[in-house]
C-alpha atoms as a PDB file:
ATOM      1  CA  MET A   1      -4.131  -0.102  23.314  1.00  0.00           C
ATOM      2  CA  LYS A   2      -6.567   2.292  21.802  1.00  0.00           C
ATOM      3  CA  LYS A   3      -3.852   2.160  18.479  1.00  0.00           C
ATOM      4  CA  ILE A   4      -3.423  -1.500  18.437  1.00  0.00           C
ATOM      5  CA  PHE A   5      -7.725  -2.209  18.458  1.00  0.00           C
ATOM      6  CA  ASP A   6      -7.524   0.435  15.767  1.00  0.00           C
ATOM      7  CA  LYS A   7      -5.725  -1.428  13.287  1.00  0.00           C
ATOM      8  CA  LEU A   8      -7.686  -5.052  14.382  1.00  0.00           C
ATOM      9  CA  THR A   9     -10.817  -3.392  13.241  1.00  0.00           C
ATOM     10  CA  LYS A  10      -9.221  -2.055   9.553  1.00  0.00           C
ATOM     11  CA  ILE A  11      -7.790  -5.624   9.156  1.00  0.00           C
ATOM     12  CA  GLY A  12     -11.132  -6.991  10.136  1.00  0.00           C
ATOM     13  CA  LEU A  13     -13.107  -3.984   7.884  1.00  0.00           C
ATOM     14  CA  MET A  14     -11.051  -5.348   4.515  1.00  0.00           C
ATOM     15  CA  TRP A  15     -10.877  -9.194   5.680  1.00  0.00           C
ATOM     16  CA  SER A  16     -15.260  -8.255   5.237  1.00  0.00           C
ATOM     17  CA  ILE A  17     -15.578  -6.555   2.269  1.00  0.00           C
ATOM     18  CA  LEU A  18     -13.765  -9.497   0.572  1.00  0.00           C
ATOM     19  CA  PRO A  19     -15.555 -11.832  -2.098  1.00  0.00           C
ATOM     20  CA  THR A  20     -17.143 -15.311  -0.530  1.00  0.00           C
ATOM     21  CA  PRO A  21     -14.270 -18.369  -1.642  1.00  0.00           C
ATOM     22  CA  PRO A  22     -17.107 -20.316  -4.119  1.00  0.00           C
ATOM     23  CA  ASN A  23     -16.983 -23.488  -2.039  1.00  0.00           C
ATOM     24  CA  CYS A  24     -18.973 -21.766   1.257  1.00  0.00           C
ATOM     25  CA  PRO A  25     -21.702 -21.365   2.110  1.00  0.00           C
ATOM     26  CA  PRO A  26     -22.470 -17.302   2.048  1.00  0.00           C
ATOM     27  CA  PRO A  27     -21.563 -16.041   5.249  1.00  0.00           C
ATOM     28  CA  ASP A  28     -25.426 -15.907   7.626  1.00  0.00           C
ATOM     29  CA  THR A  29     -25.097 -19.245   7.249  1.00  0.00           C
ATOM     30  CA  SER A  30     -22.406 -21.074   8.318  1.00  0.00           C
ATOM     31  CA  PRO A  31     -20.562 -19.247  10.568  1.00  0.00           C
ATOM     32  CA  SER A  32     -16.837 -20.832  10.867  1.00  0.00           C
ATOM     33  CA  TRP A  33     -14.037 -20.139   9.059  1.00  0.00           C
ATOM     34  CA  ALA A  34     -13.506 -24.591   8.552  1.00  0.00           C
ATOM     35  CA  CYS A  35     -13.531 -22.843   4.499  1.00  0.00           C
ATOM     36  CA  VAL A  36     -10.887 -20.720   4.726  1.00  0.00           C
ATOM     37  CA  THR A  37      -8.001 -21.811   2.906  1.00  0.00           C
ATOM     38  CA  ILE A  38      -4.257 -20.008   2.104  1.00  0.00           C
ATOM     39  CA  ASP A  39      -5.527 -21.023  -1.335  1.00  0.00           C
ATOM     40  CA  ASN A  40      -9.323 -18.909  -1.334  1.00  0.00           C
ATOM     41  CA  ILE A  41      -6.427 -16.126   0.236  1.00  0.00           C
ATOM     42  CA  LEU A  42      -4.011 -16.466  -2.802  1.00  0.00           C
ATOM     43  CA  ASP A  43      -7.070 -16.616  -5.302  1.00  0.00           C
ATOM     44  CA  ILE A  44      -8.735 -13.517  -4.016  1.00  0.00           C
ATOM     45  CA  LEU A  45      -5.628 -12.373  -4.163  1.00  0.00           C
ATOM     46  CA  ARG A  46      -4.209 -12.824  -7.159  1.00  0.00           C
ATOM     47  CA  GLY A  47      -8.000 -11.155  -8.892  1.00  0.00           C
ATOM     48  CA  ILE A  48      -7.540  -8.553  -7.885  1.00  0.00           C
ATOM     49  CA  LEU A  49      -3.921  -7.786  -8.060  1.00  0.00           C
ATOM     50  CA  ARG A  50      -4.886  -9.405 -12.598  1.00  0.00           C
ATOM     51  CA  ASP A  51      -8.289  -7.185 -12.559  1.00  0.00           C
ATOM     52  CA  PHE A  52      -7.974  -4.536 -10.393  1.00  0.00           C
ATOM     53  CA  ILE A  53      -3.797  -3.180 -10.621  1.00  0.00           C
ATOM     54  CA  ILE A  54      -2.613  -4.187 -13.311  1.00  0.00           C
ATOM     55  CA  PRO A  55      -5.098  -2.863 -14.519  1.00  0.00           C
ATOM     56  CA  LEU A  56      -4.914   0.774 -13.018  1.00  0.00           C
ATOM     57  CA  LEU A  57      -1.743   0.136 -13.595  1.00  0.00           C
ATOM     58  CA  GLY A  58      -2.107  -0.270 -18.081  1.00  0.00           C
ATOM     59  CA  ALA A  59      -3.897   3.450 -17.371  1.00  0.00           C
ATOM     60  CA  ILE A  60      -2.431   5.483 -16.004  1.00  0.00           C
ATOM     61  CA  ALA A  61       1.017   4.321 -18.238  1.00  0.00           C
ATOM     62  CA  VAL A  62      -1.586   5.131 -20.861  1.00  0.00           C
ATOM     63  CA  LEU A  63      -2.369   8.491 -19.304  1.00  0.00           C
ATOM     64  CA  MET A  64       0.754   9.958 -18.609  1.00  0.00           C
ATOM     65  CA  PHE A  65       1.980   9.243 -22.244  1.00  0.00           C
ATOM     66  CA  ILE A  66      -1.377  10.868 -23.638  1.00  0.00           C
ATOM     67  CA  ILE A  67      -0.078  14.156 -21.092  1.00  0.00           C
ATOM     68  CA  GLY A  68       3.898  13.772 -22.097  1.00  0.00           C
ATOM     69  CA  ALA A  69       2.124  13.387 -25.844  1.00  0.00           C
ATOM     70  CA  TYR A  70       0.434  16.779 -25.196  1.00  0.00           C
ATOM     71  CA  SER A  71       3.921  18.241 -23.141  1.00  0.00           C
ATOM     72  CA  TYR A  72       5.668  18.080 -26.530  1.00  0.00           C
ATOM     73  CA  LEU A  73       2.773  18.940 -28.950  1.00  0.00           C
ATOM     74  CA  THR A  74       2.922  22.114 -27.468  1.00  0.00           C
ATOM     75  CA  ALA A  75       6.185  23.046 -26.082  1.00  0.00           C
ATOM     76  CA  TYR A  76       6.167  25.751 -29.652  1.00  0.00           C
ATOM     77  CA  GLY A  77       9.922  26.079 -29.444  1.00  0.00           C
ATOM     78  CA  ASN A  78      10.584  25.272 -25.690  1.00  0.00           C
ATOM     79  CA  GLU A  79      13.414  22.776 -25.881  1.00  0.00           C
ATOM     80  CA  GLU A  80      13.399  22.284 -22.007  1.00  0.00           C
ATOM     81  CA  LYS A  81       9.149  21.669 -22.443  1.00  0.00           C
ATOM     82  CA  ALA A  82      10.263  19.551 -25.188  1.00  0.00           C
ATOM     83  CA  GLU A  83      12.283  17.595 -23.918  1.00  0.00           C
ATOM     84  CA  LYS A  84      10.385  16.925 -21.083  1.00  0.00           C
ATOM     85  CA  GLY A  85       7.439  15.505 -22.264  1.00  0.00           C
ATOM     86  CA  LYS A  86      10.307  12.743 -24.183  1.00  0.00           C
ATOM     87  CA  LYS A  87      11.016  11.768 -20.553  1.00  0.00           C
ATOM     88  CA  THR A  88       7.443  11.485 -20.259  1.00  0.00           C
ATOM     89  CA  ILE A  89       6.672   9.392 -23.527  1.00  0.00           C
ATOM     90  CA  VAL A  90       9.488   7.305 -23.041  1.00  0.00           C
ATOM     91  CA  TRP A  91       8.734   6.381 -18.673  1.00  0.00           C
ATOM     92  CA  ALA A  92       5.451   5.826 -20.377  1.00  0.00           C
ATOM     93  CA  ILE A  93       5.896   3.524 -22.816  1.00  0.00           C
ATOM     94  CA  VAL A  94       8.596   1.775 -19.790  1.00  0.00           C
ATOM     95  CA  GLY A  95       6.070   1.801 -17.483  1.00  0.00           C
ATOM     96  CA  ILE A  96       2.953   0.397 -20.609  1.00  0.00           C
ATOM     97  CA  VAL A  97       5.496  -3.188 -21.528  1.00  0.00           C
ATOM     98  CA  VAL A  98       6.158  -3.643 -17.792  1.00  0.00           C
ATOM     99  CA  THR A  99       2.227  -3.835 -17.097  1.00  0.00           C
ATOM    100  CA  LEU A 100       2.471  -5.931 -19.608  1.00  0.00           C
ATOM    101  CA  LEU A 101       5.288  -7.774 -18.275  1.00  0.00           C
ATOM    102  CA  ALA A 102       3.267  -7.909 -15.325  1.00  0.00           C
ATOM    103  CA  PHE A 103       0.023  -9.358 -16.417  1.00  0.00           C
ATOM    104  CA  ALA A 104       2.148 -11.859 -18.565  1.00  0.00           C
ATOM    105  CA  ILE A 105       3.764 -12.502 -15.270  1.00  0.00           C
ATOM    106  CA  VAL A 106       0.639 -12.840 -13.744  1.00  0.00           C
ATOM    107  CA  THR A 107      -0.809 -15.156 -15.525  1.00  0.00           C
ATOM    108  CA  TRP A 108       2.269 -17.462 -15.461  1.00  0.00           C
ATOM    109  CA  VAL A 109       2.444 -17.607 -11.639  1.00  0.00           C
ATOM    110  CA  TRP A 110      -1.316 -18.372 -12.073  1.00  0.00           C
ATOM    111  CA  GLN A 111      -0.916 -21.699 -14.251  1.00  0.00           C
ATOM    112  CA  ILE A 112       1.984 -23.314 -12.408  1.00  0.00           C
ATOM    113  CA  THR A 113       0.781 -22.248  -9.145  1.00  0.00           C
ATOM    114  CA  ALA A 114      -3.347 -23.629  -9.896  1.00  0.00           C
ATOM    115  CA  GLY A 115      -1.770 -25.565 -12.731  1.00  0.00           C
ATOM    116  CA  THR A 116      -4.109 -24.995 -15.228  1.00  0.00           C
ATOM    117  CA  ALA A 117      -5.036 -21.415 -16.730  1.00  0.00           C
ATOM    118  CA  PRO A 118      -7.093 -18.849 -15.296  1.00  0.00           C
ATOM    119  CA  PRO A 119     -11.420 -19.403 -16.237  1.00  0.00           C
ATOM    120  CA  PRO A 120     -12.078 -18.318 -19.765  1.00  0.00           C
ATOM    121  CA  GLU A 121     -14.445 -15.243 -17.871  1.00  0.00           C
ATOM    122  CA  THR A 122     -11.182 -13.829 -16.761  1.00  0.00           C
ATOM    123  CA  ALA A 123      -9.348 -13.813 -19.569  1.00  0.00           C
ATOM    124  CA  PRO A 124      -8.047 -10.198 -21.099  1.00  0.00           C
ATOM    125  CA  PRO A 125     -10.799  -9.388 -23.726  1.00  0.00           C
ATOM    126  CA  TYR A 126      -7.560  -9.137 -26.375  1.00  0.00           C
END
């Protein structure tokens, strides 16, 4: 019973940190859940995916590229270390490509499901 209560508490805490959907009044003025719909939740999840998770994965891939390049450049003739650096660079490039494709796919699915492009303020700066 305690495990179930702990899980429900965690879910409640996670739910409380989600932003309020734009068409809802502030939580302290309306305690009802009437304005929460599956569309609002999906919009929030898409936003988290597009604005947080994908850029984080891209940053990790770039960091791995830098680590692989450093490993390759400091091999000093050590073939094992140079090969490890090359593999890290290759997989980091694959990670960057996958991250860019993930961003494109999320944007494409957003346009299909919402019927419009994402708002301009959420478009990438590049």
